[in-house]
Each structure stands twice: as C-alpha cells, then as structure tokens.
Amino acid sequence: MWSWIRRTSDASSQILPMSALVMIVLIGAVGLAVDAGRCFIARAELVRAVDAAALAGTLELPNLTNAQAKINTYMAQNQPDATVSTPVSPADRQIQVQATLSVNTVFMRIFGINSVDVSASSTAGFGVLAVDTVMAIDASSSMSTGSNCPNGASCPIVAAKSAAHTFTDTLLSGSTASSDTLVGETPYRGCFNLPNLFSICVPLATMMQPLSNSKTTVDAKISAIATGAGSGTNVCNGIYEANQVLTGTGAHHVSNMLKIIVLLTDGDNVYVADANGVPTPQSGRTPTPIAGYALPGACKPSTTPFQSDSCVSASCGCHAAQTREVQVDSKTKQLADTLRSQGVEIYVVGLGVCNHSSTGDPNPTQYKTDSYCAGIGNGDHDNTADRRLLKCIASSSPGTNDHYFEAVDASQLPNIFTTIARLIGFRLIK
C-alpha cells in the first residue's frame, strides 16, 4: 500500500516540471510563430516600398544624385523607420535600393530577443523586356493653329514633334538602342494615303515609321510630319493605324514583350465623309463612295457614312454631340478594349481638351470606371464626352489616371512624353 502511494507521489512530482517545460516550449513556439508572422508582414511591406522607390528613382536617371534624393524622400514618406543604404547604380541606367527595418518582438522577448531586422533590396532599370512602342500623333489642321505657328516652339505640331524626338531619344539613346527596344510612329487625321489617295490624308510613305531601334531613322520620319486640313481627326483611325505599325514589320513575337501605343490628340472625334472615300459633291450631284478608299469598318460610323458631321473645322471648338461623332466615339472605345484584351498598353495625352481649366483637367480624380465609361456615345456635349473618351481608352490602373496625361498648352508635351518614355523603359529587374 505504502509502496503504491510512493510511486504515485513520484510520478506526480515528475509530471509537474515536465508540464511546465512543455508549456514553456509551447509558449515559445506560439511566440515564434506570431513574431515570425509580424516579421513576414513587415518585410513584405518593406519590399513593396523598396520596389516602388526604385521605380520612382529611375524617373530621374541618368542623374544619379536626383535619383538618390527621390528614393530617400519616398522611403522617408512610406517607411520612415527603415534604414536605407545609399542608392547606387550597378550598371548603366539602373538604380539599386537596399533597406533594413527593425521589427520589435512581443513573445520572443521572453528569450531575450527584443527585435529582429528584416531587409529588402530592389534594382530597377532600363531594357529588361522586349518593348515595341508606337506613337500616334494628331496631325490635323488644328495642330498648326496659333500665334506661334507654323514654326514657333509653342506651336502644337512643333511641340508634338519635339516631344516625339525626346521620347525616341529616351528609349533609344546610347547603349539602350538594342534590338529589344523598338519605336515606331504614325501621324493621323481622318484618313491615310494609302489606301485613300486624296491629298487631305496622311501620306504613310513619307510620314509613317515602322518599328526600329535606330534613333536616327525614327527621328527623320518624325521631322517629316506635317499637318493637313480637310479630313478632320478620327482618333479611332489613329489607334487602328498605330496597331498596324505595332504588329507590322520588325515586331517582336516573344511571350513576355510589352506592346504599347502612345496617342496624342488635341481634339475630339469628328467625321468627314471625304476621309471615307466620298469625294466632295458638286452642285446637284450625289456623292459616290469609293470602296477602295474606305475607312476600316472598326472606325466608320454606321449612320450615313457618306455625310460629314456639321462641325469639322478647327474653329468649331467644343460643340454639341453629332450623330457620326458619337458612333465613332463608341467604336474608338471598342477598338481600344479589343487591343487591351490582346495585351496592348495604351497611354493617352490630351492637349487642350474641351472644358479644361488653367491647370488642365477640372476633375482630375474622375477615373475610368464601368459606369463612367458607359456614357461614351450617349450624346453628351464635348465638354464631357471628349475627356471621358480619352480617359476610358487609356490603360490606367483602377482608381488612377496613370496612363492619361492632360496638357493645357503645347509647351508641356516634351516633359509628358519624357515621363511616359521612362515609365515604359524602366522596369524592376530584381
């Protein structure tokens, strides 16, 4: 009897310290899991901040001092407790950011571990993917109107060509002019020659440039761009032709390539019958469509395409909706949606968009949404319809206008095109 009691007492005396040891181990394991989770979350946030800071810094390259300052400012705003090493440029037109963050522990303090350091590193730079980019530049008559035209620096078409040169120089300059980066351009109005043979149409043979990695070649065609009157501005047709260049001679055909259109326009869609192969009728004569000159169906209004809209001249300015205009607006959105579904990224630059204020867009926080874009083609006045169309054909991320840029005057175009070129060219490397 006494022997059994002693054995029971001995077992109890062993269970208690073992239980205490197990509890310590369990608490340690729980504490380790909780603190490890906090460190994982902290590092993920640090990685995102470092990636974004590196990309922000690339917009200042090749000025390394400005890039470093931009990165430090960004990190101070988004991860103020992180220690950031001096950003360096490991290669031509690249920037590397390294940061460390001390994460305070909760449970692991029991074991004397009060904090854990997490680190992140990111390198961003130029030319890490195959990129095919085409600029579609409005070359209608309104682009050459103003006190500084035809040759002044602030004349819209002169500034647009300067912006296109800057864009090309950014993407194809120096060591970056490899076969991985190709640039093309096409001016546009209401029609192209060919197929249309009317003099009012853009002559593709002398003004359109297929994809190329030669800065000299692309610059030469940009310099040859000239405006013309009589065909109006068909934004849909500009996008359509830009895609022809994008998929034409020299295009890349690799799975991870970037396909990009940069569209510049100073006005809304208008429709001129001549642009659809319908010559101006003589008195008493019914106009006869010329089938071989017709606009592509993707950009042609379905209602009486042999008639022009009533307001097609540069002096019309903002005006009420017109039958063919609203149909072309709808087709422009449809074409842009189709191209985006095929992997094409679209940047849009609006110059002097109808109803702009002295600072540009009067509603800069109006972003592309399904409900907003559903209004395209509903007959709204240009002071609403023009900007809606341009924002909705851009490939902006939800809740942003990151692919839509608006210029009040032509002098802003070179800086806008430089920004877009850097956004295209500089990507995360690792």
Protein backbone atom coordinates (compact mmCIF):
# COMPACT_ATOMS: atom_id res chain seq x y z
CA MET A 1 0.00 0.00 0.00
CA TRP A 2 2.70 2.49 1.06
CA SER A 3 4.72 1.39 -1.99
CA TRP A 4 1.85 2.35 -4.30
CA ILE A 5 1.45 5.75 -2.67
CA ARG A 6 5.16 6.43 -3.03
CA ARG A 7 5.08 5.51 -6.74
CA THR A 8 2.09 7.79 -7.31
CA SER A 9 3.75 10.67 -5.50
CA ASP A 10 6.95 10.22 -7.50
CA ALA A 11 5.00 10.28 -10.81
CA SER A 12 3.18 13.45 -9.80
CA SER A 13 6.42 15.13 -8.87
CA GLN A 14 7.78 14.33 -12.35
CA ILE A 15 4.66 15.42 -14.28
CA LEU A 16 4.62 18.95 -12.86
CA PRO A 17 8.09 20.02 -14.07
CA MET A 18 7.53 18.24 -17.38
CA SER A 19 4.24 20.13 -17.82
CA ALA A 20 5.97 23.37 -17.04
CA LEU A 21 8.66 22.58 -19.60
CA VAL A 22 6.05 21.71 -22.21
CA MET A 23 4.22 24.97 -21.52
CA ILE A 24 7.42 26.94 -21.99
CA VAL A 25 8.08 25.18 -25.27
CA LEU A 26 4.51 25.79 -26.44
CA ILE A 27 4.63 29.46 -25.47
CA GLY A 28 7.95 29.76 -27.23
CA ALA A 29 6.55 28.10 -30.36
CA VAL A 30 3.46 30.33 -30.37
CA GLY A 31 5.59 33.37 -29.73
CA LEU A 32 7.96 32.40 -32.51
CA ALA A 33 5.04 31.93 -34.92
CA VAL A 34 3.42 35.24 -34.01
CA ASP A 35 6.64 37.23 -34.17
CA ALA A 36 7.68 35.44 -37.38
CA GLY A 37 4.35 36.43 -38.90
CA ARG A 38 4.87 40.04 -37.88
CA CYS A 39 8.34 39.97 -39.44
CA PHE A 40 6.94 38.43 -42.64
CA ILE A 41 4.32 41.18 -42.96
CA ALA A 42 6.87 43.90 -42.17
CA ARG A 43 9.26 42.56 -44.80
CA ALA A 44 6.51 42.34 -47.42
CA GLU A 45 5.64 46.00 -46.80
CA LEU A 46 9.32 46.91 -46.95
CA VAL A 47 9.74 45.05 -50.26
CA ARG A 48 6.80 46.93 -51.77
CA ALA A 49 8.21 50.25 -50.61
CA VAL A 50 11.70 49.47 -51.90
CA ASP A 51 10.35 48.31 -55.28
CA ALA A 52 8.28 51.46 -55.67
CA ALA A 53 11.16 53.66 -54.53
CA ALA A 54 13.50 52.07 -57.08
CA LEU A 55 11.00 52.65 -59.88
CA ALA A 56 10.48 56.24 -58.72
CA GLY A 57 14.23 56.77 -58.73
CA THR A 58 14.58 55.59 -62.32
CA LEU A 59 12.45 58.52 -63.48
CA GLU A 60 15.36 60.78 -62.50
CA LEU A 61 18.07 58.80 -64.31
CA PRO A 62 20.64 59.32 -65.69
CA ASN A 63 21.03 61.98 -62.92
CA LEU A 64 22.10 59.68 -60.07
CA THR A 65 22.07 62.46 -57.45
CA ASN A 66 18.44 63.30 -58.21
CA ALA A 67 17.55 59.60 -58.28
CA GLN A 68 19.09 59.06 -54.84
CA ALA A 69 17.24 62.08 -53.44
CA LYS A 70 13.94 60.86 -54.91
CA ILE A 71 14.42 57.41 -53.37
CA ASN A 72 15.30 58.78 -49.94
CA THR A 73 12.29 61.09 -49.97
CA TYR A 74 9.98 58.25 -51.00
CA MET A 75 11.30 55.89 -48.32
CA ALA A 76 11.04 58.61 -45.66
CA GLN A 77 7.38 59.05 -46.54
CA ASN A 78 6.47 55.38 -46.76
CA GLN A 79 8.90 53.56 -44.44
CA PRO A 80 10.30 56.26 -42.12
CA ASP A 81 11.73 53.73 -39.65
CA ALA A 82 13.77 51.89 -42.27
CA THR A 83 17.48 52.41 -42.69
CA VAL A 84 18.25 52.98 -46.36
CA SER A 85 21.71 52.39 -47.79
CA THR A 86 22.94 54.97 -50.27
CA PRO A 87 21.27 54.02 -53.58
CA VAL A 88 23.82 53.00 -56.18
CA SER A 89 23.84 52.48 -59.94
CA PRO A 90 25.13 48.92 -60.54
CA ALA A 91 25.01 49.36 -64.32
CA ASP A 92 24.18 51.92 -66.98
CA ARG A 93 20.77 53.50 -66.25
CA GLN A 94 19.97 51.25 -63.30
CA ILE A 95 19.34 52.06 -59.66
CA GLN A 96 19.60 49.72 -56.66
CA VAL A 97 17.90 50.31 -53.31
CA GLN A 98 18.66 48.40 -50.09
CA ALA A 99 16.83 48.95 -46.81
CA THR A 100 16.68 47.36 -43.35
CA LEU A 101 13.85 47.61 -40.83
CA SER A 102 13.97 46.66 -37.16
CA VAL A 103 10.81 44.83 -36.06
CA ASN A 104 10.06 44.78 -32.30
CA THR A 105 9.11 41.36 -30.97
CA VAL A 106 6.34 40.53 -28.48
CA PHE A 107 6.67 36.95 -27.26
CA MET A 108 10.30 36.35 -28.13
CA ARG A 109 11.33 38.91 -25.53
CA ILE A 110 10.94 36.06 -23.04
CA PHE A 111 14.07 34.60 -24.59
CA GLY A 112 15.89 37.91 -24.66
CA ILE A 113 15.19 38.66 -28.37
CA ASN A 114 13.77 42.18 -28.38
CA SER A 115 13.87 42.87 -32.12
CA VAL A 116 14.55 41.26 -35.48
CA ASP A 117 15.97 43.00 -38.56
CA VAL A 118 14.36 42.39 -41.95
CA SER A 119 15.93 43.53 -45.21
CA ALA A 120 14.87 44.14 -48.78
CA SER A 121 16.67 45.01 -51.99
CA SER A 122 15.39 46.10 -55.40
CA THR A 123 17.02 47.03 -58.68
CA ALA A 124 15.16 48.88 -61.41
CA GLY A 125 16.44 49.99 -64.75
CA PHE A 126 16.16 50.07 -68.48
CA GLY A 127 15.77 47.37 -71.07
CA VAL A 128 14.78 44.27 -69.13
CA LEU A 129 11.97 43.29 -71.52
CA ALA A 130 11.34 43.41 -75.24
CA VAL A 131 9.35 46.62 -75.88
CA ASP A 132 7.52 47.65 -79.07
CA THR A 133 6.16 51.20 -78.84
CA VAL A 134 4.29 53.27 -81.43
CA MET A 135 3.45 56.96 -81.16
CA ALA A 136 0.21 58.11 -82.83
CA ILE A 137 0.42 61.88 -83.26
CA ASP A 138 -2.51 64.10 -84.21
CA ALA A 139 -1.57 65.89 -87.45
CA SER A 140 -4.87 67.60 -88.20
CA SER A 141 -5.05 71.28 -89.12
CA SER A 142 -5.86 72.39 -85.57
CA MET A 143 -2.37 71.28 -84.52
CA SER A 144 -0.90 74.09 -86.61
CA THR A 145 -3.13 76.94 -85.46
CA GLY A 146 -1.98 79.60 -83.00
CA SER A 147 0.15 82.74 -82.78
CA ASN A 148 3.41 80.77 -82.79
CA CYS A 149 2.61 78.65 -85.81
CA PRO A 150 3.79 77.33 -88.12
CA ASN A 151 7.36 77.20 -86.78
CA GLY A 152 7.34 78.55 -83.22
CA ALA A 153 8.38 76.24 -80.38
CA SER A 154 4.95 76.51 -78.75
CA CYS A 155 3.04 75.73 -81.95
CA PRO A 156 1.23 72.44 -81.14
CA ILE A 157 2.67 70.39 -84.02
CA VAL A 158 6.19 71.74 -83.43
CA ALA A 159 5.97 70.92 -79.73
CA ALA A 160 4.48 67.50 -80.52
CA LYS A 161 7.39 66.67 -82.82
CA SER A 162 9.85 67.89 -80.19
CA ALA A 163 8.12 65.65 -77.66
CA ALA A 164 8.32 62.70 -80.07
CA HIS A 165 12.05 63.32 -80.56
CA THR A 166 12.55 63.41 -76.78
CA PHE A 167 10.56 60.21 -76.39
CA THR A 168 12.68 58.47 -79.02
CA ASP A 169 15.92 59.75 -77.52
CA THR A 170 14.93 58.43 -74.09
CA LEU A 171 14.13 54.93 -75.34
CA LEU A 172 16.84 54.57 -77.99
CA SER A 173 19.73 56.63 -76.65
CA GLY A 174 23.27 55.30 -76.25
CA SER A 175 23.74 51.72 -75.12
CA THR A 176 19.99 51.16 -74.82
CA ALA A 177 19.45 51.11 -78.59
CA SER A 178 19.36 47.32 -78.75
CA SER A 179 17.07 45.04 -80.67
CA ASP A 180 14.98 44.62 -77.51
CA THR A 181 13.61 48.18 -77.77
CA LEU A 182 11.78 49.28 -80.91
CA VAL A 183 9.98 52.56 -81.62
CA GLY A 184 7.65 53.50 -84.45
CA GLU A 185 5.36 56.43 -85.17
CA THR A 186 2.42 57.42 -87.31
CA PRO A 187 0.71 60.78 -87.62
CA TYR A 188 -3.04 60.59 -88.15
CA ARG A 189 -6.01 62.68 -89.24
CA GLY A 190 -9.25 61.32 -90.64
CA CYS A 191 -7.68 59.03 -93.26
CA PHE A 192 -4.44 57.63 -94.61
CA ASN A 193 -2.87 57.65 -98.06
CA LEU A 194 -2.65 54.72 -98.85
CA PRO A 195 -5.32 53.34 -99.20
CA ASN A 196 -7.08 56.67 -99.69
CA LEU A 197 -5.48 58.74 -102.48
CA PHE A 198 -6.92 62.13 -101.50
CA SER A 199 -4.35 64.82 -100.67
CA ILE A 200 -6.10 65.54 -97.35
CA CYS A 201 -4.98 62.15 -95.98
CA VAL A 202 -1.73 61.36 -94.15
CA PRO A 203 0.89 60.08 -96.63
CA LEU A 204 2.12 56.91 -94.95
CA ALA A 205 5.08 56.52 -97.30
CA THR A 206 6.75 59.73 -96.11
CA MET A 207 5.48 60.23 -92.56
CA MET A 208 4.93 56.79 -91.01
CA GLN A 209 7.87 54.95 -89.43
CA PRO A 210 7.78 51.15 -88.89
CA LEU A 211 9.28 49.76 -85.71
CA SER A 212 13.01 50.41 -85.50
CA ASN A 213 15.84 50.59 -82.98
CA SER A 214 17.60 53.31 -84.99
CA LYS A 215 17.14 56.70 -83.34
CA THR A 216 18.33 58.46 -86.50
CA THR A 217 15.78 56.67 -88.66
CA VAL A 218 12.86 57.35 -86.33
CA ASP A 219 13.85 60.99 -85.79
CA ALA A 220 13.97 61.58 -89.54
CA LYS A 221 10.37 60.44 -90.01
CA ILE A 222 9.23 62.49 -87.01
CA SER A 223 10.79 65.57 -88.59
CA ALA A 224 8.81 64.86 -91.78
CA ILE A 225 5.43 65.03 -90.02
CA ALA A 226 3.24 67.85 -91.33
CA THR A 227 -0.33 68.85 -90.64
CA GLY A 228 -3.10 68.90 -93.21
CA ALA A 229 -6.65 70.16 -93.48
CA GLY A 230 -9.85 68.65 -94.75
CA SER A 231 -10.11 65.19 -93.18
CA GLY A 232 -10.79 66.02 -89.54
CA THR A 233 -9.47 63.99 -86.59
CA ASN A 234 -10.50 60.38 -86.25
CA VAL A 235 -8.91 59.12 -83.02
CA CYS A 236 -10.14 55.59 -83.72
CA ASN A 237 -8.32 55.57 -87.05
CA GLY A 238 -5.15 56.78 -85.32
CA ILE A 239 -5.28 53.86 -82.89
CA TYR A 240 -6.07 51.46 -85.72
CA GLU A 241 -3.05 52.55 -87.77
CA ALA A 242 -0.78 52.56 -84.71
CA ASN A 243 -1.71 48.93 -84.18
CA GLN A 244 -0.86 48.20 -87.82
CA VAL A 245 2.64 49.53 -87.12
CA LEU A 246 2.77 47.68 -83.80
CA THR A 247 2.07 44.34 -85.48
CA GLY A 248 3.90 45.09 -88.72
CA THR A 249 7.46 44.97 -89.97
CA GLY A 250 10.06 44.12 -87.34
CA ALA A 251 7.61 43.48 -84.48
CA HIS A 252 8.73 41.20 -81.65
CA HIS A 253 6.97 37.88 -81.19
CA VAL A 254 8.03 36.76 -77.71
CA SER A 255 5.72 35.87 -74.84
CA ASN A 256 6.86 38.46 -72.30
CA MET A 257 7.10 41.51 -74.59
CA LEU A 258 5.43 44.86 -73.99
CA LYS A 259 3.22 46.29 -76.76
CA ILE A 260 2.47 49.97 -76.26
CA ILE A 261 0.64 52.77 -78.08
CA VAL A 262 1.12 56.41 -77.08
CA LEU A 263 -1.68 58.52 -78.50
CA LEU A 264 -1.63 62.34 -78.71
CA THR A 265 -4.72 64.29 -79.70
CA ASP A 266 -5.80 67.91 -79.34
CA GLY A 267 -9.45 67.39 -80.14
CA ASP A 268 -12.49 65.23 -80.30
CA ASN A 269 -13.58 62.75 -82.94
CA VAL A 270 -15.15 64.42 -85.93
CA TYR A 271 -16.19 62.76 -89.13
CA VAL A 272 -15.52 63.98 -92.67
CA ALA A 273 -17.07 61.97 -95.46
CA ASP A 274 -14.06 62.55 -97.74
CA ALA A 275 -11.96 60.56 -95.25
CA ASN A 276 -14.12 57.56 -96.04
CA GLY A 277 -13.59 57.72 -99.78
CA VAL A 278 -16.51 60.03 -100.53
CA PRO A 279 -15.42 62.99 -102.69
CA THR A 280 -16.91 66.42 -102.08
CA PRO A 281 -20.03 66.50 -104.26
CA GLN A 282 -20.57 69.08 -106.97
CA SER A 283 -23.77 71.05 -107.08
CA GLY A 284 -26.64 68.78 -108.00
CA ARG A 285 -24.53 65.63 -107.78
CA THR A 286 -24.90 62.85 -105.20
CA PRO A 287 -21.57 61.87 -103.62
CA THR A 288 -20.38 58.41 -104.58
CA PRO A 289 -18.36 56.32 -102.11
CA ILE A 290 -15.07 54.89 -103.40
CA ALA A 291 -14.88 51.41 -101.86
CA GLY A 292 -11.11 51.08 -102.11
CA TYR A 293 -10.61 54.30 -100.14
CA ALA A 294 -12.99 53.47 -97.30
CA LEU A 295 -12.09 53.71 -93.64
CA PRO A 296 -11.73 50.39 -91.81
CA GLY A 297 -15.09 49.24 -90.51
CA ALA A 298 -13.76 49.43 -86.94
CA CYS A 299 -13.65 53.24 -87.23
CA LYS A 300 -16.50 54.07 -89.60
CA PRO A 301 -19.91 55.31 -88.39
CA SER A 302 -22.83 53.13 -89.33
CA THR A 303 -25.23 56.02 -89.95
CA THR A 304 -24.89 57.72 -93.37
CA PRO A 305 -21.08 57.50 -93.59
CA PHE A 306 -21.25 59.37 -96.92
CA GLN A 307 -22.21 62.53 -94.99
CA SER A 308 -19.89 64.64 -92.83
CA ASP A 309 -20.57 65.92 -89.34
CA SER A 310 -21.70 69.54 -89.39
CA CYS A 311 -18.73 70.86 -87.41
CA VAL A 312 -15.39 69.72 -88.78
CA SER A 313 -13.16 72.80 -88.88
CA ALA A 314 -10.57 73.85 -86.32
CA SER A 315 -12.65 76.92 -85.42
CA CYS A 316 -15.61 74.87 -84.22
CA GLY A 317 -14.14 74.23 -80.78
CA CYS A 318 -16.33 72.44 -78.24
CA HIS A 319 -19.73 71.64 -79.65
CA ALA A 320 -22.81 69.53 -79.06
CA ALA A 321 -22.84 65.85 -79.92
CA GLN A 322 -23.32 64.81 -83.53
CA THR A 323 -24.65 61.56 -84.93
CA ARG A 324 -21.49 60.26 -86.54
CA GLU A 325 -19.22 61.62 -83.83
CA VAL A 326 -20.89 59.65 -81.04
CA GLN A 327 -20.77 56.49 -83.14
CA VAL A 328 -17.06 56.94 -83.81
CA ASP A 329 -16.55 57.57 -80.07
CA SER A 330 -18.18 54.22 -79.30
CA LYS A 331 -16.11 52.44 -81.93
CA THR A 332 -12.93 54.05 -80.58
CA LYS A 333 -13.63 52.63 -77.13
CA GLN A 334 -14.48 49.22 -78.63
CA LEU A 335 -11.21 49.13 -80.56
CA ALA A 336 -9.19 50.19 -77.52
CA ASP A 337 -10.87 47.49 -75.41
CA THR A 338 -10.07 44.88 -78.04
CA LEU A 339 -6.41 45.87 -78.24
CA ARG A 340 -6.04 45.89 -74.46
CA SER A 341 -7.52 42.39 -74.33
CA GLN A 342 -4.72 41.39 -76.73
CA GLY A 343 -2.07 42.78 -74.39
CA VAL A 344 -1.62 46.28 -75.83
CA GLU A 345 -0.97 49.03 -73.30
CA ILE A 346 -2.32 52.48 -74.24
CA TYR A 347 -1.08 55.85 -72.98
CA VAL A 348 -3.17 58.90 -73.91
CA VAL A 349 -2.06 62.55 -73.99
CA GLY A 350 -4.83 65.12 -74.34
CA LEU A 351 -3.78 68.61 -75.42
CA GLY A 352 -6.22 71.44 -74.66
CA VAL A 353 -9.10 69.03 -74.06
CA CYS A 354 -12.52 70.65 -74.22
CA ASN A 355 -13.55 72.38 -70.96
CA HIS A 356 -10.05 72.29 -69.43
CA SER A 357 -9.13 74.78 -66.72
CA SER A 358 -5.93 76.81 -66.41
CA THR A 359 -4.38 73.80 -64.67
CA GLY A 360 -5.76 71.16 -67.01
CA ASP A 361 -8.37 68.58 -66.07
CA PRO A 362 -11.08 70.20 -63.90
CA ASN A 363 -11.93 66.73 -62.48
CA PRO A 364 -8.55 65.00 -62.02
CA THR A 365 -9.96 62.40 -59.62
CA GLN A 366 -12.56 61.22 -62.14
CA TYR A 367 -11.11 57.87 -63.06
CA LYS A 368 -12.03 55.21 -65.58
CA THR A 369 -14.86 53.08 -64.17
CA ASP A 370 -17.50 50.93 -65.84
CA SER A 371 -20.25 53.43 -65.02
CA TYR A 372 -18.19 56.42 -66.18
CA CYS A 373 -17.20 54.80 -69.45
CA ALA A 374 -20.73 53.56 -70.09
CA GLY A 375 -21.55 57.15 -71.03
CA ILE A 376 -19.42 57.03 -74.19
CA GLY A 377 -21.64 57.51 -77.22
CA ASN A 378 -24.64 58.75 -75.23
CA GLY A 379 -24.71 62.15 -76.93
CA ASP A 380 -23.11 64.30 -74.23
CA HIS A 381 -21.62 67.66 -75.17
CA ASP A 382 -17.90 67.73 -75.96
CA ASN A 383 -17.09 69.36 -72.64
CA THR A 384 -17.93 66.00 -71.08
CA ALA A 385 -17.60 63.49 -73.89
CA ASP A 386 -14.06 64.32 -75.07
CA ARG A 387 -12.31 63.79 -71.75
CA ARG A 388 -14.40 60.73 -70.92
CA LEU A 389 -13.37 59.07 -74.17
CA LEU A 390 -9.67 59.79 -73.68
CA LYS A 391 -9.61 58.57 -70.09
CA CYS A 392 -11.53 55.43 -70.97
CA ILE A 393 -9.30 54.34 -73.84
CA ALA A 394 -6.18 54.72 -71.65
CA SER A 395 -4.90 51.63 -69.82
CA SER A 396 -4.97 53.28 -66.39
CA SER A 397 -4.95 51.11 -63.27
CA PRO A 398 -8.17 51.12 -61.21
CA GLY A 399 -8.54 54.27 -59.16
CA THR A 400 -5.89 56.16 -61.13
CA ASN A 401 -5.27 58.10 -64.31
CA ASP A 402 -1.72 56.73 -64.55
CA HIS A 403 -1.97 56.23 -68.33
CA TYR A 404 -3.77 59.51 -69.04
CA PHE A 405 -1.98 62.85 -69.24
CA GLU A 406 -3.52 66.23 -69.94
CA ALA A 407 -1.61 69.29 -71.20
CA VAL A 408 -3.04 72.79 -71.06
CA ASP A 409 -0.65 74.03 -73.72
CA ALA A 410 1.85 72.53 -76.12
CA SER A 411 4.90 73.53 -74.07
CA GLN A 412 4.08 70.74 -71.61
CA LEU A 413 4.26 67.96 -74.21
CA PRO A 414 8.03 67.22 -74.13
CA ASN A 415 8.02 66.66 -70.36
CA ILE A 416 4.92 64.47 -70.57
CA PHE A 417 6.43 62.33 -73.34
CA THR A 418 9.69 62.02 -71.38
CA THR A 419 7.76 60.80 -68.34
CA ILE A 420 5.88 58.23 -70.42
CA ALA A 421 9.10 57.02 -72.05
CA ARG A 422 10.66 56.47 -68.64
CA LEU A 423 7.58 54.66 -67.37
CA ILE A 424 7.83 52.38 -70.39
CA GLY A 425 11.56 51.85 -70.40
CA PHE A 426 12.37 51.48 -66.72
CA ARG A 427 11.16 48.31 -65.04
CA LEU A 428 12.00 46.21 -62.00
CA ILE A 429 14.99 43.97 -62.67
CA LYS A 430 15.21 42.14 -59.36
